[in-house]
Amino acid sequence: METKPERFWLSTGDIAIKLDLISKLHGASSAEDYFKTLGDSLKDGRVYGSLLNAYVNSKMKEKAESVYATMKEKGYLLYALSCNVMMTLYMDTKEYDKVEAIISEMRVMNIPLDEYSYNIWLTSLGHQSSMEKLELVFESMKADANVELDWSTLSTMARMYIKTGQFEKAEEYLKLAEDKIEGQNRSPYHYIISLYGAIGKTGEVYRVWEAYKSKFMKLTDMSYRGVITALVKCGDVQGAEDLYDEWSSSKPRLFDPRIGNILLACYVRNGETEKAEAFFSQMVAMGVKPNSRTWEILAEYHIIGKRVADALSCLKDAVAAMDSKNWKPKRAIVSSITEYCDEIGDTASKEVLFEVLKQTCYFDDETDKDEDDFA
């Protein structure tokens, strides 16, 4: 127990919760400092697991690996949770061989795989296009009496087949996933609509959307965002516009700019400049506050027209937007501006761009994560 000068004691379970809260409020380093103040008798598997989670959430790979190795050495790896946390980290770093290694260790240590373990494993195999092994693992999961095959796993299978371009196979799994939807959970509908959009099945998008509307009386911003995105991916821009009008006419308390961004990005990418300008004006007139992504889309619009000064102005507005804390412009935008500036010898604009980028997290790492074209 952790003694306090007051009147109460903290169990190791309480300490694990406290460490987790410290990490979320003050960061992993503060959680580490708190961990160091604890006596060895207070550092059980739950406390180590909480520290591991803090490191993984902060992408502190080496420290996470060190804690995981200590947990293994001390015999604290009894359940799948900490193994899943490490595999999630390796998925983020695309070290799929290490995901496989942890699965093998779990088997050796007789740690039962849970639904999350299988889903991570399946996703890893899908990213490696190991489709034959993917099916074998899926069959193993179906035969495992300790796990339940739900819509999430089936939609994961569909997503992996979409990734490899096997749309018919993906659709088979999406149908199976639909049959597993139960209760009042909206997430399966959002996800399945998105995947039908990814394979261009407009009719299926509408069918699942109608099923969703018949089940839930209140339609959320997230639900409209998902179906509008899916229809744009299917090429049904008119249908997406109709649903946008339906959403906006419902007069939501706050107009989510992410919904308008979907159509704005579509117009820009299709070269419909007049439509893009008119739509942005409409967004502002109805009370939408542009977010960083809105301004980034407009920067793309100006780049297409070789209006570098206007593009830079939009990037400045993106930095000033309320949601800009973790925003950074796409590398394609930065490359387009720098290449055009080099072409015309405009060093002043390049300097302005550099100053804008310094105000973002653009230089924090060298790689971009995959981004939804219509986010």
Protein backbone atom coordinates (compact mmCIF):
# COMPACT_ATOMS: atom_id res chain seq x y z
CA MET A 1 0.00 0.00 0.00
CA GLU A 2 1.05 3.61 -0.63
CA THR A 3 0.88 5.57 2.62
CA LYS A 4 -0.31 9.16 2.64
CA PRO A 5 0.02 11.76 5.39
CA GLU A 6 -3.76 11.95 5.35
CA ARG A 7 -6.12 9.23 6.56
CA PHE A 8 -6.23 6.82 3.65
CA TRP A 9 -4.18 4.26 1.75
CA LEU A 10 -3.96 3.58 -1.96
CA SER A 11 -4.01 0.06 -3.34
CA THR A 12 -1.85 -0.86 -6.33
CA GLY A 13 -5.02 -0.70 -8.43
CA ASP A 14 -5.56 2.89 -7.24
CA ILE A 15 -1.91 3.68 -8.01
CA ALA A 16 -2.29 2.32 -11.56
CA ILE A 17 -5.32 4.56 -12.09
CA LYS A 18 -3.48 7.56 -10.62
CA LEU A 19 -0.46 6.94 -12.87
CA ASP A 20 -2.76 6.76 -15.89
CA LEU A 21 -4.42 10.06 -14.96
CA ILE A 22 -1.05 11.75 -14.43
CA SER A 23 0.01 10.58 -17.89
CA LYS A 24 -3.15 11.93 -19.52
CA LEU A 25 -3.00 15.27 -17.71
CA HIS A 26 0.74 15.94 -17.56
CA GLY A 27 2.38 13.51 -19.98
CA ALA A 28 4.37 10.28 -19.80
CA SER A 29 7.42 11.92 -18.25
CA SER A 30 5.40 13.01 -15.22
CA ALA A 31 3.93 9.51 -14.96
CA GLU A 32 7.47 8.12 -15.04
CA ASP A 33 8.53 10.48 -12.25
CA TYR A 34 5.62 9.31 -10.11
CA PHE A 35 6.46 5.67 -10.85
CA LYS A 36 10.02 6.25 -9.60
CA THR A 37 8.72 7.43 -6.22
CA LEU A 38 6.98 4.10 -5.60
CA GLY A 39 8.55 1.34 -3.56
CA ASP A 40 9.16 -2.00 -5.32
CA SER A 41 6.34 -3.63 -3.36
CA LEU A 42 3.87 -1.21 -4.96
CA LYS A 43 4.93 -1.92 -8.55
CA ASP A 44 2.78 -4.85 -9.58
CA GLY A 45 1.56 -5.85 -13.02
CA ARG A 46 -1.23 -3.28 -13.08
CA VAL A 47 1.14 -0.42 -12.24
CA TYR A 48 3.72 -1.53 -14.81
CA GLY A 49 0.91 -1.94 -17.33
CA SER A 50 -0.25 1.62 -16.70
CA LEU A 51 3.28 2.93 -17.26
CA LEU A 52 3.56 0.86 -20.44
CA ASN A 53 0.33 2.37 -21.71
CA ALA A 54 1.64 5.87 -20.96
CA TYR A 55 4.79 5.25 -22.99
CA VAL A 56 2.91 3.72 -25.91
CA ASN A 57 0.42 6.58 -26.05
CA SER A 58 3.36 8.99 -26.16
CA LYS A 59 5.10 6.91 -28.86
CA MET A 60 8.13 6.39 -26.56
CA LYS A 61 9.10 3.11 -28.16
CA GLU A 62 12.37 2.30 -26.41
CA LYS A 63 10.96 2.94 -22.94
CA ALA A 64 7.84 0.96 -23.77
CA GLU A 65 9.98 -1.98 -24.90
CA SER A 66 12.02 -1.77 -21.70
CA VAL A 67 8.91 -1.84 -19.48
CA TYR A 68 7.43 -4.69 -21.52
CA ALA A 69 10.65 -6.71 -21.12
CA THR A 70 10.57 -6.10 -17.36
CA MET A 71 6.95 -7.23 -17.16
CA LYS A 72 7.86 -10.39 -19.04
CA GLU A 73 10.83 -11.03 -16.73
CA LYS A 74 8.73 -10.53 -13.59
CA GLY A 75 5.94 -12.78 -14.83
CA TYR A 76 3.40 -9.96 -15.09
CA LEU A 77 2.26 -10.87 -18.60
CA LEU A 78 -0.72 -13.02 -17.69
CA TYR A 79 -3.40 -11.51 -19.89
CA ALA A 80 -3.62 -10.12 -23.42
CA LEU A 81 -3.99 -6.43 -22.51
CA SER A 82 -0.32 -5.41 -22.26
CA CYS A 83 0.54 -7.58 -25.27
CA ASN A 84 -2.16 -5.79 -27.27
CA VAL A 85 -0.77 -2.41 -26.20
CA MET A 86 2.69 -3.31 -27.50
CA MET A 87 1.30 -4.74 -30.74
CA THR A 88 -0.61 -1.48 -31.28
CA LEU A 89 2.70 0.39 -30.99
CA TYR A 90 4.32 -1.90 -33.54
CA MET A 91 1.38 -1.44 -35.88
CA ASP A 92 1.96 2.33 -35.68
CA THR A 93 5.65 1.86 -36.51
CA LYS A 94 4.80 -0.70 -39.23
CA GLU A 95 7.00 -3.35 -37.57
CA TYR A 96 4.71 -6.21 -38.46
CA ASP A 97 7.33 -8.86 -37.72
CA LYS A 98 7.27 -7.74 -34.08
CA VAL A 99 3.49 -8.13 -33.98
CA GLU A 100 4.01 -11.72 -35.12
CA ALA A 101 6.73 -12.20 -32.48
CA ILE A 102 4.39 -11.11 -29.68
CA ILE A 103 1.67 -13.44 -30.92
CA SER A 104 4.20 -16.29 -30.85
CA GLU A 105 5.26 -15.34 -27.31
CA MET A 106 1.64 -15.31 -26.18
CA ARG A 107 1.22 -18.82 -27.50
CA VAL A 108 4.39 -20.02 -25.72
CA MET A 109 3.37 -18.35 -22.44
CA ASN A 110 -0.21 -19.65 -22.71
CA ILE A 111 -1.65 -16.14 -22.72
CA PRO A 112 -5.11 -16.41 -24.34
CA LEU A 113 -5.65 -14.16 -27.35
CA ASP A 114 -8.71 -11.95 -27.07
CA GLU A 115 -10.75 -10.21 -29.79
CA TYR A 116 -8.32 -7.27 -29.89
CA SER A 117 -5.31 -9.57 -30.25
CA TYR A 118 -6.88 -11.29 -33.23
CA ASN A 119 -7.98 -8.02 -34.83
CA ILE A 120 -4.49 -6.54 -34.53
CA TRP A 121 -2.98 -9.74 -35.94
CA LEU A 122 -5.43 -9.78 -38.85
CA THR A 123 -4.77 -6.11 -39.61
CA SER A 124 -1.01 -6.74 -39.55
CA LEU A 125 -1.34 -9.60 -42.03
CA GLY A 126 -3.58 -7.51 -44.25
CA HIS A 127 -1.01 -4.72 -44.39
CA GLN A 128 1.53 -7.32 -45.50
CA SER A 129 -0.94 -8.69 -48.09
CA SER A 130 -0.59 -12.13 -46.48
CA MET A 131 -4.15 -13.01 -47.44
CA GLU A 132 -3.78 -16.80 -47.25
CA LYS A 133 -2.48 -16.57 -43.69
CA LEU A 134 -5.13 -13.95 -42.94
CA GLU A 135 -7.83 -16.52 -43.71
CA LEU A 136 -6.08 -19.18 -41.61
CA VAL A 137 -5.93 -16.85 -38.61
CA PHE A 138 -9.56 -15.91 -39.14
CA GLU A 139 -10.52 -19.61 -39.12
CA SER A 140 -8.51 -20.06 -35.90
CA MET A 141 -10.40 -17.20 -34.34
CA LYS A 142 -13.74 -18.71 -35.32
CA ALA A 143 -12.67 -21.97 -33.67
CA ASP A 144 -11.51 -20.23 -30.47
CA ALA A 145 -14.22 -20.69 -27.84
CA ASN A 146 -12.75 -17.86 -25.73
CA VAL A 147 -13.53 -15.09 -28.23
CA GLU A 148 -16.67 -13.83 -29.89
CA LEU A 149 -16.75 -13.12 -33.60
CA ASP A 150 -18.39 -9.71 -33.90
CA TRP A 151 -18.97 -7.04 -36.55
CA SER A 152 -15.61 -5.44 -35.77
CA THR A 153 -13.58 -8.49 -36.79
CA LEU A 154 -15.67 -9.07 -39.91
CA SER A 155 -15.31 -5.44 -40.97
CA THR A 156 -11.56 -5.70 -40.31
CA MET A 157 -11.48 -8.61 -42.76
CA ALA A 158 -13.42 -6.51 -45.27
CA ARG A 159 -11.02 -3.60 -44.83
CA MET A 160 -8.00 -5.82 -45.47
CA TYR A 161 -9.54 -7.17 -48.67
CA ILE A 162 -10.32 -3.62 -49.78
CA LYS A 163 -6.67 -2.75 -49.19
CA THR A 164 -5.62 -5.52 -51.58
CA GLY A 165 -8.26 -4.59 -54.16
CA GLN A 166 -10.39 -7.73 -53.66
CA PHE A 167 -13.72 -5.90 -53.52
CA GLU A 168 -16.02 -8.89 -54.03
CA LYS A 169 -14.43 -10.70 -51.10
CA ALA A 170 -14.67 -7.51 -49.04
CA GLU A 171 -18.38 -7.23 -49.80
CA GLU A 172 -18.93 -10.81 -48.57
CA TYR A 173 -17.47 -9.88 -45.18
CA LEU A 174 -19.43 -6.64 -45.03
CA LYS A 175 -22.68 -8.59 -45.43
CA LEU A 176 -21.60 -10.88 -42.58
CA ALA A 177 -20.68 -7.85 -40.47
CA GLU A 178 -24.14 -6.36 -40.96
CA ASP A 179 -25.72 -9.52 -39.57
CA LYS A 180 -23.69 -9.09 -36.37
CA ILE A 181 -24.91 -5.57 -35.58
CA GLU A 182 -26.95 -5.48 -32.41
CA GLY A 183 -28.00 -3.07 -29.68
CA GLN A 184 -27.89 0.72 -29.90
CA ASN A 185 -24.30 1.05 -31.09
CA ARG A 186 -24.00 3.53 -33.97
CA SER A 187 -20.35 2.75 -34.77
CA PRO A 188 -20.97 -0.37 -36.90
CA TYR A 189 -23.23 1.57 -39.25
CA HIS A 190 -20.72 4.41 -39.62
CA TYR A 191 -17.89 1.99 -40.32
CA ILE A 192 -19.77 -0.25 -42.73
CA ILE A 193 -21.11 2.73 -44.69
CA SER A 194 -17.54 3.99 -44.99
CA LEU A 195 -16.31 0.65 -46.33
CA TYR A 196 -19.13 0.36 -48.86
CA GLY A 197 -18.12 3.84 -50.01
CA ALA A 198 -14.51 2.69 -50.37
CA ILE A 199 -15.55 -0.01 -52.85
CA GLY A 200 -17.92 2.29 -54.73
CA LYS A 201 -21.14 0.52 -53.77
CA THR A 202 -23.54 3.48 -53.88
CA GLY A 203 -26.66 1.36 -53.54
CA GLU A 204 -25.29 -0.40 -50.45
CA VAL A 205 -24.40 2.96 -48.89
CA TYR A 206 -28.01 4.12 -49.27
CA ARG A 207 -29.41 0.79 -48.07
CA VAL A 208 -27.37 0.79 -44.84
CA TRP A 209 -28.10 4.50 -44.37
CA GLU A 210 -31.83 3.82 -44.52
CA ALA A 211 -31.43 0.99 -42.01
CA TYR A 212 -29.50 3.34 -39.75
CA LYS A 213 -32.19 6.04 -39.98
CA SER A 214 -34.93 3.54 -39.19
CA LYS A 215 -33.12 2.50 -36.00
CA PHE A 216 -32.01 5.86 -34.62
CA MET A 217 -34.40 8.77 -34.31
CA LYS A 218 -31.64 11.37 -33.94
CA LEU A 219 -29.05 11.67 -36.70
CA THR A 220 -25.68 12.96 -35.55
CA ASP A 221 -23.08 15.11 -37.29
CA MET A 222 -20.82 12.06 -37.38
CA SER A 223 -23.43 10.01 -39.20
CA TYR A 224 -23.93 12.69 -41.86
CA ARG A 225 -20.18 13.12 -42.21
CA GLY A 226 -19.73 9.41 -42.80
CA VAL A 227 -22.44 8.95 -45.41
CA ILE A 228 -21.56 12.16 -47.30
CA THR A 229 -17.91 11.06 -47.44
CA ALA A 230 -18.97 7.62 -48.69
CA LEU A 231 -21.15 9.09 -51.45
CA VAL A 232 -18.37 11.41 -52.62
CA LYS A 233 -16.03 8.41 -52.82
CA CYS A 234 -18.68 6.61 -54.88
CA GLY A 235 -18.86 9.60 -57.23
CA ASP A 236 -22.44 10.42 -56.24
CA VAL A 237 -21.80 14.13 -55.65
CA GLN A 238 -25.45 15.05 -56.17
CA GLY A 239 -26.51 12.60 -53.47
CA ALA A 240 -23.84 14.01 -51.16
CA GLU A 241 -25.09 17.55 -51.83
CA ASP A 242 -28.68 16.52 -51.09
CA LEU A 243 -27.67 15.04 -47.74
CA TYR A 244 -25.59 18.12 -46.93
CA ASP A 245 -28.67 20.28 -47.55
CA GLU A 246 -30.71 17.94 -45.35
CA TRP A 247 -28.12 18.24 -42.56
CA SER A 248 -27.79 22.02 -42.80
CA SER A 249 -31.57 22.52 -42.88
CA SER A 250 -31.84 20.64 -39.59
CA LYS A 251 -30.14 23.68 -38.03
CA PRO A 252 -27.63 21.94 -35.75
CA ARG A 253 -26.57 23.89 -32.67
CA LEU A 254 -23.03 24.08 -34.03
CA PHE A 255 -22.23 23.75 -37.72
CA ASP A 256 -19.41 21.20 -37.94
CA PRO A 257 -16.95 22.48 -40.58
CA ARG A 258 -15.74 18.94 -41.28
CA ILE A 259 -19.01 18.15 -43.06
CA GLY A 260 -18.70 21.09 -45.46
CA ASN A 261 -15.03 20.32 -45.97
CA ILE A 262 -15.98 17.06 -47.69
CA LEU A 263 -17.78 18.83 -50.54
CA LEU A 264 -15.36 21.76 -50.62
CA ALA A 265 -12.43 19.35 -51.13
CA CYS A 266 -14.42 17.49 -53.79
CA TYR A 267 -15.07 20.69 -55.77
CA VAL A 268 -11.42 21.77 -55.56
CA ARG A 269 -10.12 18.39 -56.69
CA ASN A 270 -12.61 18.31 -59.57
CA GLY A 271 -11.49 21.76 -60.72
CA GLU A 272 -14.91 23.30 -60.04
CA THR A 273 -13.49 26.63 -58.91
CA GLU A 274 -16.65 28.71 -59.09
CA LYS A 275 -18.60 26.06 -57.21
CA ALA A 276 -15.87 25.87 -54.56
CA GLU A 277 -15.89 29.65 -54.07
CA ALA A 278 -19.70 29.80 -53.84
CA PHE A 279 -19.83 26.85 -51.46
CA PHE A 280 -17.22 28.33 -49.10
CA SER A 281 -19.17 31.60 -49.02
CA GLN A 282 -22.32 29.60 -48.23
CA MET A 283 -20.54 27.80 -45.37
CA VAL A 284 -19.45 31.06 -43.78
CA ALA A 285 -22.88 32.67 -44.29
CA MET A 286 -24.62 29.85 -42.44
CA GLY A 287 -22.34 30.28 -39.45
CA VAL A 288 -19.64 27.65 -40.05
CA LYS A 289 -16.30 28.53 -38.48
CA PRO A 290 -13.60 27.27 -40.87
CA ASN A 291 -11.10 24.90 -39.25
CA SER A 292 -7.50 24.23 -40.20
CA ARG A 293 -8.51 21.68 -42.80
CA THR A 294 -10.93 24.16 -44.43
CA TRP A 295 -8.12 26.66 -44.91
CA GLU A 296 -5.80 23.92 -46.15
CA ILE A 297 -8.32 22.96 -48.84
CA LEU A 298 -8.54 26.61 -49.90
CA ALA A 299 -4.73 26.74 -50.00
CA GLU A 300 -4.84 23.80 -52.44
CA TYR A 301 -7.38 25.75 -54.51
CA HIS A 302 -5.06 28.76 -54.74
CA ILE A 303 -2.02 26.60 -55.49
CA ILE A 304 -3.82 25.16 -58.51
CA GLY A 305 -4.27 28.75 -59.75
CA LYS A 306 -0.59 29.61 -58.98
CA ARG A 307 -1.72 32.19 -56.40
CA VAL A 308 1.07 31.61 -53.89
CA ALA A 309 0.37 34.69 -51.76
CA ASP A 310 -3.28 33.65 -51.34
CA ALA A 311 -2.25 30.06 -50.54
CA LEU A 312 0.16 31.30 -47.86
CA SER A 313 -2.56 33.52 -46.42
CA CYS A 314 -4.81 30.46 -46.09
CA LEU A 315 -2.04 28.52 -44.36
CA LYS A 316 -1.66 31.39 -41.89
CA ASP A 317 -5.41 31.22 -41.22
CA ALA A 318 -5.07 27.47 -40.74
CA VAL A 319 -2.43 28.03 -38.05
CA ALA A 320 -4.68 30.59 -36.34
CA ALA A 321 -7.75 28.31 -36.33
CA MET A 322 -8.96 27.00 -32.97
CA ASP A 323 -8.22 23.35 -33.81
CA SER A 324 -4.70 23.97 -35.13
CA LYS A 325 -2.73 22.52 -32.18
CA ASN A 326 -1.82 19.24 -33.91
CA TRP A 327 -2.38 20.40 -37.47
CA LYS A 328 0.29 20.45 -40.14
CA PRO A 329 -0.13 20.97 -43.89
CA LYS A 330 0.15 18.04 -46.24
CA ARG A 331 3.62 17.61 -47.66
CA ALA A 332 2.18 17.77 -51.18
CA ILE A 333 1.04 21.34 -50.51
CA VAL A 334 4.43 22.38 -49.13
CA SER A 335 6.21 20.74 -52.06
CA SER A 336 3.95 22.46 -54.61
CA ILE A 337 4.59 25.89 -53.09
CA THR A 338 8.37 25.43 -52.80
CA GLU A 339 8.68 24.03 -56.32
CA TYR A 340 6.70 26.92 -57.80
CA CYS A 341 8.73 29.44 -55.79
CA ASP A 342 11.96 27.87 -57.06
CA GLU A 343 10.60 27.99 -60.59
CA ILE A 344 9.94 31.74 -60.47
CA GLY A 345 12.74 32.63 -58.04
CA ASP A 346 10.41 33.78 -55.25
CA THR A 347 12.60 33.39 -52.16
CA ALA A 348 10.48 35.79 -50.08
CA SER A 349 7.43 33.50 -50.28
CA LYS A 350 9.57 30.50 -49.34
CA GLU A 351 10.70 32.35 -46.23
CA VAL A 352 7.08 33.12 -45.35
CA LEU A 353 6.20 29.45 -45.80
CA PHE A 354 9.07 28.41 -43.53
CA GLU A 355 7.87 30.77 -40.80
CA VAL A 356 4.34 29.36 -41.09
CA LEU A 357 5.62 25.79 -40.87
CA LYS A 358 7.59 26.58 -37.72
CA GLN A 359 4.28 27.39 -36.01
CA THR A 360 2.95 23.89 -36.75
CA CYS A 361 4.15 20.39 -35.89
CA TYR A 362 5.36 19.97 -39.47
CA PHE A 363 9.01 19.44 -38.53
CA ASP A 364 8.27 17.07 -35.64
CA ASP A 365 8.70 13.97 -37.80
CA GLU A 366 9.62 13.04 -41.32
CA THR A 367 6.60 11.01 -42.29
CA ASP A 368 2.92 11.71 -42.79
CA LYS A 369 0.31 9.27 -41.65
CA ASP A 370 -2.32 8.20 -44.15
CA GLU A 371 -4.94 10.93 -44.41
CA ASP A 372 -8.53 10.66 -45.54
CA ASP A 373 -8.83 12.78 -48.68
CA PHE A 374 -12.09 14.18 -47.41
CA ALA A 375 -11.34 14.59 -43.68
